[in-house]
Amino acid sequence: MGRYALLFAGIHLLSVFVLGIFIQAFAPHPGSGLGFVVIVLVGYAVSWFFARKRQRRFTKQEKWRLIWLCYTYLVLFETFSIWAALSVQPTRLPWGYWVGVVVFTAGMDWLALWLAYTRTVRAMFDKKFGPASPSI
């Protein structure tokens, strides 16, 4: 599953980079929730690559291992992003506030990954492999 977690990280980084350039050029103040959508779509893409290569669904163990590996990457990514933003533009808000932001964001990342690897891919797996099995 490490290979698929690295695939997730690569697609996510590239997506965020391209989306960041696009947003700066055309919409300097985007709405919230865009990161959530990106995580779900990247998770779907990784699931598609998995199904295409392995010709099967995730097992429960594979699904949860992939979620944890991707989650670890996302927590590091979000924490670094907030740290980098604060380094460029300091704020008077206390560190406790930013810890709360990281915790909230980590919770939303977990939800996005869970949706991506549990609910969103179910239709794709059902179409490719037949009716849903209890393994996902």
Foldseek 3Di string as FASTA:
>chain_A
DVVLLVQLVVQLVVVCVVVVVVCVVPPVDDDPPPSLVSSLVSLQVSQVVVCVVVVAAAFLVRLVVSLVSNLVVVLVVVVVVVVVVCVVPPDPDDVVVVVVVSVVVSVSSSVSSCCNRPPPCQVVRCVRPNHDDPRD
